[in-house]
Amino acid sequence: MRGLFAIKDGEVFDRKKFAKGLENLKAAYGTQGFINYAPIPTPSFDEQKKTVSWEVEIDEGKQFLRSPY
């Protein structure tokens, strides 16, 4: 899933890139039938290193399967 985000370790945080990564994640989950997917991003800050890390918890919701008809 890390590859769905264009932000690399050590880069300056870019809100647009992060939002695009969440969109990519939603699309990936949607292809598996999780159309009500909801990301819950939580930042953690390291004041000494002046960095931020993100953990993205995923609420998949109900999986919908495509009808064979």
PDB file of N, CA and C in Angstrom:
ATOM      1  N   MET A   1       0.815  -1.192   0.000  1.00  0.00           N
ATOM      2  CA  MET A   1       0.000   0.000   0.000  1.00  0.00           C
ATOM      3  C   MET A   1       0.859   1.257   0.000  1.00  0.00           C
ATOM      4  N   ARG A   2       2.043   1.145   0.513  1.00  0.00           N
ATOM      5  CA  ARG A   2       2.930   2.316   0.586  1.00  0.00           C
ATOM      6  C   ARG A   2       3.168   2.905  -0.800  1.00  0.00           C
ATOM      7  N   GLY A   3       3.195   2.050  -1.814  1.00  0.00           N
ATOM      8  CA  GLY A   3       3.436   2.501  -3.174  1.00  0.00           C
ATOM      9  C   GLY A   3       2.321   3.362  -3.754  1.00  0.00           C
ATOM     10  N   LEU A   4       1.161   3.389  -3.105  1.00  0.00           N
ATOM     11  CA  LEU A   4       0.043   4.198  -3.576  1.00  0.00           C
ATOM     12  C   LEU A   4       0.218   5.674  -3.240  1.00  0.00           C
ATOM     13  N   PHE A   5       1.199   5.965  -2.400  1.00  0.00           N
ATOM     14  CA  PHE A   5       1.477   7.342  -1.983  1.00  0.00           C
ATOM     15  C   PHE A   5       2.755   7.825  -2.656  1.00  0.00           C
ATOM     16  N   ALA A   6       2.695   8.985  -3.306  1.00  0.00           N
ATOM     17  CA  ALA A   6       3.848   9.533  -4.027  1.00  0.00           C
ATOM     18  C   ALA A   6       4.861  10.192  -3.091  1.00  0.00           C
ATOM     19  N   ILE A   7       4.560  10.266  -1.818  1.00  0.00           N
ATOM     20  CA  ILE A   7       5.463  10.885  -0.845  1.00  0.00           C
ATOM     21  C   ILE A   7       6.517   9.859  -0.437  1.00  0.00           C
ATOM     22  N   LYS A   8       7.747  10.267  -0.470  1.00  0.00           N
ATOM     23  CA  LYS A   8       8.858   9.396  -0.079  1.00  0.00           C
ATOM     24  C   LYS A   8       9.393   9.827   1.281  1.00  0.00           C
ATOM     25  N   ASP A   9      10.017   8.882   1.980  1.00  0.00           N
ATOM     26  CA  ASP A   9      10.620   9.196   3.277  1.00  0.00           C
ATOM     27  C   ASP A   9      11.618  10.334   3.115  1.00  0.00           C
ATOM     28  N   GLY A  10      11.556  11.296   4.014  1.00  0.00           N
ATOM     29  CA  GLY A  10      12.482  12.409   4.013  1.00  0.00           C
ATOM     30  C   GLY A  10      12.011  13.622   3.233  1.00  0.00           C
ATOM     31  N   GLU A  11      10.953  13.491   2.449  1.00  0.00           N
ATOM     32  CA  GLU A  11      10.426  14.633   1.694  1.00  0.00           C
ATOM     33  C   GLU A  11       9.635  15.562   2.601  1.00  0.00           C
ATOM     34  N   VAL A  12       9.513  16.794   2.167  1.00  0.00           N
ATOM     35  CA  VAL A  12       8.650  17.751   2.851  1.00  0.00           C
ATOM     36  C   VAL A  12       7.204  17.309   2.615  1.00  0.00           C
ATOM     37  N   PHE A  13       6.399  17.367   3.676  1.00  0.00           N
ATOM     38  CA  PHE A  13       5.008  16.928   3.566  1.00  0.00           C
ATOM     39  C   PHE A  13       4.260  17.768   2.541  1.00  0.00           C
ATOM     40  N   ASP A  14       3.503  17.089   1.691  1.00  0.00           N
ATOM     41  CA  ASP A  14       2.697  17.743   0.662  1.00  0.00           C
ATOM     42  C   ASP A  14       1.269  17.241   0.815  1.00  0.00           C
ATOM     43  N   ARG A  15       0.384  18.126   1.242  1.00  0.00           N
ATOM     44  CA  ARG A  15      -1.008  17.752   1.508  1.00  0.00           C
ATOM     45  C   ARG A  15      -1.688  17.179   0.260  1.00  0.00           C
ATOM     46  N   LYS A  16      -1.397  17.754  -0.913  1.00  0.00           N
ATOM     47  CA  LYS A  16      -2.017  17.277  -2.150  1.00  0.00           C
ATOM     48  C   LYS A  16      -1.570  15.861  -2.488  1.00  0.00           C
ATOM     49  N   LYS A  17      -0.283  15.580  -2.307  1.00  0.00           N
ATOM     50  CA  LYS A  17       0.220  14.227  -2.566  1.00  0.00           C
ATOM     51  C   LYS A  17      -0.396  13.231  -1.584  1.00  0.00           C
ATOM     52  N   PHE A  18      -0.532  13.655  -0.321  1.00  0.00           N
ATOM     53  CA  PHE A  18      -1.113  12.773   0.684  1.00  0.00           C
ATOM     54  C   PHE A  18      -2.581  12.489   0.358  1.00  0.00           C
ATOM     55  N   ALA A  19      -3.325  13.531  -0.022  1.00  0.00           N
ATOM     56  CA  ALA A  19      -4.733  13.358  -0.391  1.00  0.00           C
ATOM     57  C   ALA A  19      -4.863  12.443  -1.610  1.00  0.00           C
ATOM     58  N   LYS A  20      -3.966  12.596  -2.586  1.00  0.00           N
ATOM     59  CA  LYS A  20      -3.984  11.733  -3.775  1.00  0.00           C
ATOM     60  C   LYS A  20      -3.695  10.288  -3.381  1.00  0.00           C
ATOM     61  N   GLY A  21      -2.801  10.088  -2.429  1.00  0.00           N
ATOM     62  CA  GLY A  21      -2.513   8.745  -1.924  1.00  0.00           C
ATOM     63  C   GLY A  21      -3.741   8.107  -1.288  1.00  0.00           C
ATOM     64  N   LEU A  22      -4.492   8.910  -0.524  1.00  0.00           N
ATOM     65  CA  LEU A  22      -5.728   8.389   0.083  1.00  0.00           C
ATOM     66  C   LEU A  22      -6.753   8.039  -0.998  1.00  0.00           C
ATOM     67  N   GLU A  23      -6.809   8.850  -2.075  1.00  0.00           N
ATOM     68  CA  GLU A  23      -7.703   8.537  -3.200  1.00  0.00           C
ATOM     69  C   GLU A  23      -7.280   7.228  -3.869  1.00  0.00           C
ATOM     70  N   ASN A  24      -5.973   7.046  -4.056  1.00  0.00           N
ATOM     71  CA  ASN A  24      -5.468   5.805  -4.651  1.00  0.00           C
ATOM     72  C   ASN A  24      -5.814   4.601  -3.788  1.00  0.00           C
ATOM     73  N   LEU A  25      -5.718   4.783  -2.482  1.00  0.00           N
ATOM     74  CA  LEU A  25      -6.050   3.715  -1.542  1.00  0.00           C
ATOM     75  C   LEU A  25      -7.536   3.383  -1.636  1.00  0.00           C
ATOM     76  N   LYS A  26      -8.370   4.410  -1.733  1.00  0.00           N
ATOM     77  CA  LYS A  26      -9.821   4.197  -1.868  1.00  0.00           C
ATOM     78  C   LYS A  26     -10.136   3.425  -3.146  1.00  0.00           C
ATOM     79  N   ALA A  27      -9.471   3.780  -4.241  1.00  0.00           N
ATOM     80  CA  ALA A  27      -9.689   3.085  -5.512  1.00  0.00           C
ATOM     81  C   ALA A  27      -9.267   1.616  -5.405  1.00  0.00           C
ATOM     82  N   ALA A  28      -8.145   1.364  -4.741  1.00  0.00           N
ATOM     83  CA  ALA A  28      -7.673  -0.009  -4.581  1.00  0.00           C
ATOM     84  C   ALA A  28      -8.662  -0.836  -3.758  1.00  0.00           C
ATOM     85  N   TYR A  29      -9.169  -0.265  -2.694  1.00  0.00           N
ATOM     86  CA  TYR A  29     -10.156  -0.977  -1.873  1.00  0.00           C
ATOM     87  C   TYR A  29     -11.472  -1.152  -2.636  1.00  0.00           C
ATOM     88  N   GLY A  30     -11.841  -0.147  -3.430  1.00  0.00           N
ATOM     89  CA  GLY A  30     -13.074  -0.224  -4.216  1.00  0.00           C
ATOM     90  C   GLY A  30     -13.058  -1.369  -5.204  1.00  0.00           C
ATOM     91  N   THR A  31     -11.902  -1.658  -5.789  1.00  0.00           N
ATOM     92  CA  THR A  31     -11.815  -2.772  -6.744  1.00  0.00           C
ATOM     93  C   THR A  31     -12.042  -4.115  -6.066  1.00  0.00           C
ATOM     94  N   GLN A  32     -11.894  -4.140  -4.748  1.00  0.00           N
ATOM     95  CA  GLN A  32     -12.121  -5.371  -3.992  1.00  0.00           C
ATOM     96  C   GLN A  32     -13.519  -5.410  -3.367  1.00  0.00           C
ATOM     97  N   GLY A  33     -14.365  -4.452  -3.721  1.00  0.00           N
ATOM     98  CA  GLY A  33     -15.742  -4.446  -3.243  1.00  0.00           C
ATOM     99  C   GLY A  33     -15.982  -3.648  -1.980  1.00  0.00           C
ATOM    100  N   PHE A  34     -14.960  -2.971  -1.467  1.00  0.00           N
ATOM    101  CA  PHE A  34     -15.117  -2.173  -0.255  1.00  0.00           C
ATOM    102  C   PHE A  34     -15.431  -0.730  -0.650  1.00  0.00           C
ATOM    103  N   ILE A  35     -16.690  -0.502  -1.051  1.00  0.00           N
ATOM    104  CA  ILE A  35     -17.072   0.806  -1.580  1.00  0.00           C
ATOM    105  C   ILE A  35     -17.350   1.831  -0.482  1.00  0.00           C
ATOM    106  N   ASN A  36     -17.488   1.388   0.760  1.00  0.00           N
ATOM    107  CA  ASN A  36     -17.721   2.304   1.877  1.00  0.00           C
ATOM    108  C   ASN A  36     -16.468   2.502   2.711  1.00  0.00           C
ATOM    109  N   TYR A  37     -15.324   2.237   2.112  1.00  0.00           N
ATOM    110  CA  TYR A  37     -14.025   2.380   2.760  1.00  0.00           C
ATOM    111  C   TYR A  37     -13.870   3.777   3.359  1.00  0.00           C
ATOM    112  N   ALA A  38     -13.288   3.836   4.553  1.00  0.00           N
ATOM    113  CA  ALA A  38     -13.032   5.135   5.185  1.00  0.00           C
ATOM    114  C   ALA A  38     -11.645   5.119   5.817  1.00  0.00           C
ATOM    115  N   PRO A  39     -10.749   6.006   5.349  1.00  0.00           N
ATOM    116  CA  PRO A  39      -9.422   6.087   5.963  1.00  0.00           C
ATOM    117  C   PRO A  39      -9.458   6.967   7.207  1.00  0.00           C
ATOM    118  N   ILE A  40      -8.648   6.607   8.188  1.00  0.00           N
ATOM    119  CA  ILE A  40      -8.542   7.408   9.403  1.00  0.00           C
ATOM    120  C   ILE A  40      -7.047   7.692   9.611  1.00  0.00           C
ATOM    121  N   PRO A  41      -6.531   8.789   8.988  1.00  0.00           N
ATOM    122  CA  PRO A  41      -5.104   9.101   9.131  1.00  0.00           C
ATOM    123  C   PRO A  41      -4.804   9.772  10.471  1.00  0.00           C
ATOM    124  N   THR A  42      -3.725   9.306  11.122  1.00  0.00           N
ATOM    125  CA  THR A  42      -3.315   9.864  12.399  1.00  0.00           C
ATOM    126  C   THR A  42      -1.823  10.198  12.330  1.00  0.00           C
ATOM    127  N   PRO A  43      -1.473  11.468  12.543  1.00  0.00           N
ATOM    128  CA  PRO A  43      -0.053  11.833  12.499  1.00  0.00           C
ATOM    129  C   PRO A  43       0.631  11.599  13.841  1.00  0.00           C
ATOM    130  N   SER A  44       1.926  11.337  13.784  1.00  0.00           N
ATOM    131  CA  SER A  44       2.750  11.344  14.999  1.00  0.00           C
ATOM    132  C   SER A  44       3.980  12.187  14.683  1.00  0.00           C
ATOM    133  N   PHE A  45       4.318  13.059  15.603  1.00  0.00           N
ATOM    134  CA  PHE A  45       5.377  14.036  15.393  1.00  0.00           C
ATOM    135  C   PHE A  45       6.614  13.701  16.209  1.00  0.00           C
ATOM    136  N   ASP A  46       7.777  13.894  15.614  1.00  0.00           N
ATOM    137  CA  ASP A  46       9.045  13.778  16.316  1.00  0.00           C
ATOM    138  C   ASP A  46       9.649  15.182  16.335  1.00  0.00           C
ATOM    139  N   GLU A  47       9.533  15.846  17.461  1.00  0.00           N
ATOM    140  CA  GLU A  47       9.981  17.235  17.591  1.00  0.00           C
ATOM    141  C   GLU A  47      11.489  17.371  17.399  1.00  0.00           C
ATOM    142  N   GLN A  48      12.253  16.393  17.884  1.00  0.00           N
ATOM    143  CA  GLN A  48      13.710  16.486  17.769  1.00  0.00           C
ATOM    144  C   GLN A  48      14.163  16.377  16.315  1.00  0.00           C
ATOM    145  N   LYS A  49      13.589  15.449  15.587  1.00  0.00           N
ATOM    146  CA  LYS A  49      13.972  15.243  14.187  1.00  0.00           C
ATOM    147  C   LYS A  49      13.203  16.151  13.234  1.00  0.00           C
ATOM    148  N   LYS A  50      12.163  16.808  13.767  1.00  0.00           N
ATOM    149  CA  LYS A  50      11.302  17.675  12.947  1.00  0.00           C
ATOM    150  C   LYS A  50      10.655  16.885  11.806  1.00  0.00           C
ATOM    151  N   THR A  51      10.114  15.715  12.167  1.00  0.00           N
ATOM    152  CA  THR A  51       9.458  14.862  11.172  1.00  0.00           C
ATOM    153  C   THR A  51       8.045  14.501  11.628  1.00  0.00           C
ATOM    154  N   VAL A  52       7.266  14.061  10.668  1.00  0.00           N
ATOM    155  CA  VAL A  52       5.924  13.560  10.958  1.00  0.00           C
ATOM    156  C   VAL A  52       5.774  12.211  10.259  1.00  0.00           C
ATOM    157  N   SER A  53       5.135  11.295  10.932  1.00  0.00           N
ATOM    158  CA  SER A  53       4.816   9.985  10.357  1.00  0.00           C
ATOM    159  C   SER A  53       3.302   9.843  10.394  1.00  0.00           C
ATOM    160  N   TRP A  54       2.783   9.116   9.423  1.00  0.00           N
ATOM    161  CA  TRP A  54       1.338   8.927   9.351  1.00  0.00           C
ATOM    162  C   TRP A  54       0.988   7.454   9.462  1.00  0.00           C
ATOM    163  N   GLU A  55       0.014   7.154  10.299  1.00  0.00           N
ATOM    164  CA  GLU A  55      -0.575   5.821  10.367  1.00  0.00           C
ATOM    165  C   GLU A  55      -1.983   5.981   9.817  1.00  0.00           C
ATOM    166  N   VAL A  56      -2.350   5.133   8.862  1.00  0.00           N
ATOM    167  CA  VAL A  56      -3.680   5.213   8.275  1.00  0.00           C
ATOM    168  C   VAL A  56      -4.449   3.953   8.667  1.00  0.00           C
ATOM    169  N   GLU A  57      -5.382   4.131   9.603  1.00  0.00           N
ATOM    170  CA  GLU A  57      -6.274   3.043   9.993  1.00  0.00           C
ATOM    171  C   GLU A  57      -7.369   2.978   8.936  1.00  0.00           C
ATOM    172  N   ILE A  58      -7.790   1.773   8.606  1.00  0.00           N
ATOM    173  CA  ILE A  58      -8.768   1.615   7.543  1.00  0.00           C
ATOM    174  C   ILE A  58     -10.020   0.926   8.066  1.00  0.00           C
ATOM    175  N   ASP A  59     -11.140   1.612   7.894  1.00  0.00           N
ATOM    176  CA  ASP A  59     -12.444   1.016   8.183  1.00  0.00           C
ATOM    177  C   ASP A  59     -12.984   0.566   6.832  1.00  0.00           C
ATOM    178  N   GLU A  60     -12.907  -0.732   6.575  1.00  0.00           N
ATOM    179  CA  GLU A  60     -13.304  -1.259   5.270  1.00  0.00           C
ATOM    180  C   GLU A  60     -14.804  -1.206   5.040  1.00  0.00           C
ATOM    181  N   GLY A  61     -15.569  -1.316   6.101  1.00  0.00           N
ATOM    182  CA  GLY A  61     -17.014  -1.396   5.931  1.00  0.00           C
ATOM    183  C   GLY A  61     -17.380  -2.761   5.345  1.00  0.00           C
ATOM    184  N   LYS A  62     -18.581  -2.886   4.895  1.00  0.00           N
ATOM    185  CA  LYS A  62     -19.079  -4.144   4.311  1.00  0.00           C
ATOM    186  C   LYS A  62     -18.517  -4.324   2.913  1.00  0.00           C
ATOM    187  N   GLN A  63     -18.157  -5.568   2.585  1.00  0.00           N
ATOM    188  CA  GLN A  63     -17.681  -5.862   1.245  1.00  0.00           C
ATOM    189  C   GLN A  63     -18.873  -6.217   0.353  1.00  0.00           C
ATOM    190  N   PHE A  64     -18.939  -5.580  -0.798  1.00  0.00           N
ATOM    191  CA  PHE A  64     -19.991  -5.868  -1.778  1.00  0.00           C
ATOM    192  C   PHE A  64     -19.365  -6.645  -2.927  1.00  0.00           C
ATOM    193  N   LEU A  65     -19.998  -7.715  -3.300  1.00  0.00           N
ATOM    194  CA  LEU A  65     -19.491  -8.542  -4.389  1.00  0.00           C
ATOM    195  C   LEU A  65     -20.284  -8.277  -5.644  1.00  0.00           C
ATOM    196  N   ARG A  66     -19.606  -8.308  -6.754  1.00  0.00           N
ATOM    197  CA  ARG A  66     -20.228  -8.090  -8.062  1.00  0.00           C
ATOM    198  C   ARG A  66     -21.085  -9.301  -8.414  1.00  0.00           C
ATOM    199  N   SER A  67     -22.274  -9.044  -8.897  1.00  0.00           N
ATOM    200  CA  SER A  67     -23.177 -10.120  -9.323  1.00  0.00           C
ATOM    201  C   SER A  67     -22.646 -10.745 -10.613  1.00  0.00           C
ATOM    202  N   PRO A  68     -22.743 -12.073 -10.739  1.00  0.00           N
ATOM    203  CA  PRO A  68     -22.277 -12.729 -11.971  1.00  0.00           C
ATOM    204  C   PRO A  68     -23.223 -12.484 -13.151  1.00  0.00           C
ATOM    205  N   TYR A  69     -24.348 -11.821 -12.922  1.00  0.00           N
ATOM    206  CA  TYR A  69     -25.334 -11.613 -13.998  1.00  0.00           C
ATOM    207  C   TYR A  69     -25.194 -10.275 -14.636  1.00  0.00           C
TER     208      TYR A  69
END
